[in-house]
Amino acid sequence: MKIKLKEISRDDLKVGDTVGIAREVRCGWGTSFRHRRIYPATIVKITTKRTKIETDQFGEHDKYEIFYEYDNNAKKETELAEKFVKIKNAIYKLDQFRNVPGLRHLRDEDILEMADYAEKIMEILDSYRKE
């Protein structure tokens, strides 16, 4: 899925505008996910030379910060990043559950339901295996 975010020129910004600010989603040491979270923020203050812009969410931004339109594309980008974080956290919790208390302690009705989900997940993961 290709999502194109619209950058906003610093010259077009005014106090009171709502902009999107991108933040990386970490997925390991020194790596980040291809989609970023886009947070909506309102501009509170702009210096006369437009080198520093202040927002209500993140405070002061330097001249290297890129601002985006907070539209449907930004919301879709954020949704993909948040779903990735959910999957990453679920995998971590599954790994922790394996140790304590362990799969053998699951109730029978939970095993029946979880087996269907596990099968669907494995179908998706199998499509990424190289043969």
Protein backbone atom coordinates (compact mmCIF):
# COMPACT_ATOMS: atom_id res chain seq x y z
CA MET A 1 0.00 0.00 0.00
CA LYS A 2 1.51 3.32 -1.06
CA ILE A 3 0.52 6.33 1.02
CA LYS A 4 1.64 9.78 -0.08
CA LEU A 5 1.76 12.39 2.69
CA LYS A 6 1.41 16.04 1.68
CA GLU A 7 4.15 18.25 3.07
CA ILE A 8 3.26 21.79 4.10
CA SER A 9 5.66 24.59 3.30
CA ARG A 10 6.86 26.54 6.33
CA ASP A 11 5.95 29.76 4.53
CA ASP A 12 2.28 28.72 4.37
CA LEU A 13 1.94 28.00 8.10
CA LYS A 14 -0.01 30.31 10.40
CA VAL A 15 -0.68 30.30 14.13
CA GLY A 16 -3.75 28.15 14.82
CA ASP A 17 -3.21 25.77 11.87
CA THR A 18 -3.47 22.05 12.55
CA VAL A 19 -0.57 20.08 11.10
CA GLY A 20 0.61 16.49 11.21
CA ILE A 21 3.93 15.67 12.86
CA ALA A 22 5.56 12.35 11.99
CA ARG A 23 7.29 10.16 14.55
CA GLU A 24 9.07 6.86 13.88
CA VAL A 25 7.83 3.52 15.15
CA ARG A 26 10.78 1.56 16.45
CA CYS A 27 10.93 -2.15 15.68
CA GLY A 28 14.33 -3.12 16.96
CA TRP A 29 17.74 -1.72 17.71
CA GLY A 30 18.51 0.94 15.11
CA THR A 31 15.55 0.09 12.89
CA SER A 32 12.12 1.54 12.38
CA PHE A 33 8.90 0.50 10.65
CA ARG A 34 8.23 1.85 7.14
CA HIS A 35 5.09 3.71 8.28
CA ARG A 36 5.18 6.48 10.87
CA ARG A 37 2.67 7.76 13.39
CA ILE A 38 1.32 11.15 12.38
CA TYR A 39 0.18 13.18 15.38
CA PRO A 40 -2.12 16.18 14.96
CA ALA A 41 -0.77 19.37 16.53
CA THR A 42 -1.84 22.99 16.53
CA ILE A 43 0.70 25.71 15.85
CA VAL A 44 1.02 28.04 18.82
CA LYS A 45 3.96 30.27 17.89
CA ILE A 46 6.14 31.00 14.84
CA THR A 47 9.37 33.02 14.94
CA THR A 48 9.73 35.86 12.45
CA LYS A 49 12.34 34.01 10.37
CA ARG A 50 10.31 30.78 10.64
CA THR A 51 13.33 28.86 11.95
CA LYS A 52 11.44 27.69 15.04
CA ILE A 53 7.80 26.72 15.22
CA GLU A 54 6.05 25.79 18.46
CA THR A 55 3.11 23.39 18.69
CA ASP A 56 0.81 22.44 21.54
CA GLN A 57 1.75 18.75 21.44
CA PHE A 58 5.53 18.71 21.05
CA GLY A 59 6.75 22.17 21.98
CA GLU A 60 9.44 23.77 19.84
CA HIS A 61 10.45 22.39 16.42
CA ASP A 62 13.64 23.35 14.62
CA LYS A 63 14.05 24.20 10.94
CA TYR A 64 14.51 20.53 9.99
CA GLU A 65 11.06 19.36 11.15
CA ILE A 66 8.71 18.50 8.30
CA PHE A 67 5.03 19.28 8.74
CA TYR A 68 2.31 17.34 6.93
CA GLU A 69 -1.35 17.89 6.20
CA TYR A 70 -3.39 15.94 8.72
CA ASP A 71 -5.77 14.30 6.23
CA ASN A 72 -7.05 10.80 5.48
CA ASN A 73 -3.63 9.69 4.20
CA ALA A 74 -2.02 10.76 7.47
CA LYS A 75 -4.71 8.90 9.42
CA LYS A 76 -4.15 5.75 7.31
CA GLU A 77 -0.38 5.99 7.88
CA THR A 78 -0.98 6.25 11.62
CA GLU A 79 -3.42 3.33 11.58
CA LEU A 80 -0.87 1.07 9.86
CA ALA A 81 1.83 2.09 12.34
CA GLU A 82 -0.45 1.43 15.33
CA LYS A 83 -1.51 -1.99 13.98
CA PHE A 84 2.17 -2.87 13.58
CA VAL A 85 2.78 -1.93 17.23
CA LYS A 86 -0.14 -4.16 18.29
CA ILE A 87 1.30 -7.12 16.38
CA LYS A 88 4.79 -6.48 17.76
CA ASN A 89 3.47 -6.33 21.34
CA ALA A 90 1.33 -9.45 20.85
CA ILE A 91 4.33 -11.44 19.62
CA TYR A 92 6.30 -10.31 22.66
CA LYS A 93 3.47 -11.29 25.03
CA LEU A 94 3.13 -14.69 23.33
CA ASP A 95 6.81 -15.30 23.82
CA GLN A 96 6.53 -14.37 27.50
CA PHE A 97 3.43 -16.55 27.95
CA ARG A 98 5.29 -19.55 26.59
CA ASN A 99 7.54 -19.50 29.63
CA VAL A 100 5.07 -18.72 32.44
CA PRO A 101 2.40 -20.13 32.87
CA GLY A 102 2.67 -21.94 29.57
CA LEU A 103 0.32 -23.28 26.92
CA ARG A 104 -0.50 -26.43 28.88
CA HIS A 105 -2.54 -24.35 31.35
CA LEU A 106 -5.04 -23.12 28.74
CA ARG A 107 -8.70 -24.06 29.20
CA ASP A 108 -10.22 -26.40 26.61
CA GLU A 109 -12.63 -23.80 25.21
CA ASP A 110 -9.76 -21.34 24.78
CA ILE A 111 -7.71 -23.95 22.91
CA LEU A 112 -10.59 -24.53 20.47
CA GLU A 113 -10.92 -20.82 19.74
CA MET A 114 -7.19 -20.05 19.64
CA ALA A 115 -6.44 -22.89 17.23
CA ASP A 116 -8.56 -21.22 14.53
CA TYR A 117 -6.78 -17.91 15.00
CA ALA A 118 -3.37 -19.58 15.02
CA GLU A 119 -4.20 -21.36 11.76
CA LYS A 120 -5.17 -18.07 10.09
CA ILE A 121 -2.00 -16.38 11.31
CA MET A 122 0.13 -19.24 10.03
CA GLU A 123 -1.53 -19.00 6.59
CA ILE A 124 -0.48 -15.36 6.39
CA LEU A 125 3.05 -16.07 7.62
CA ASP A 126 3.45 -19.01 5.24
CA SER A 127 2.84 -16.66 2.31
CA TYR A 128 6.13 -14.87 3.24
CA ARG A 129 8.28 -17.99 3.35
CA LYS A 130 10.74 -18.48 0.57
CA GLU A 131 10.89 -21.89 -0.97
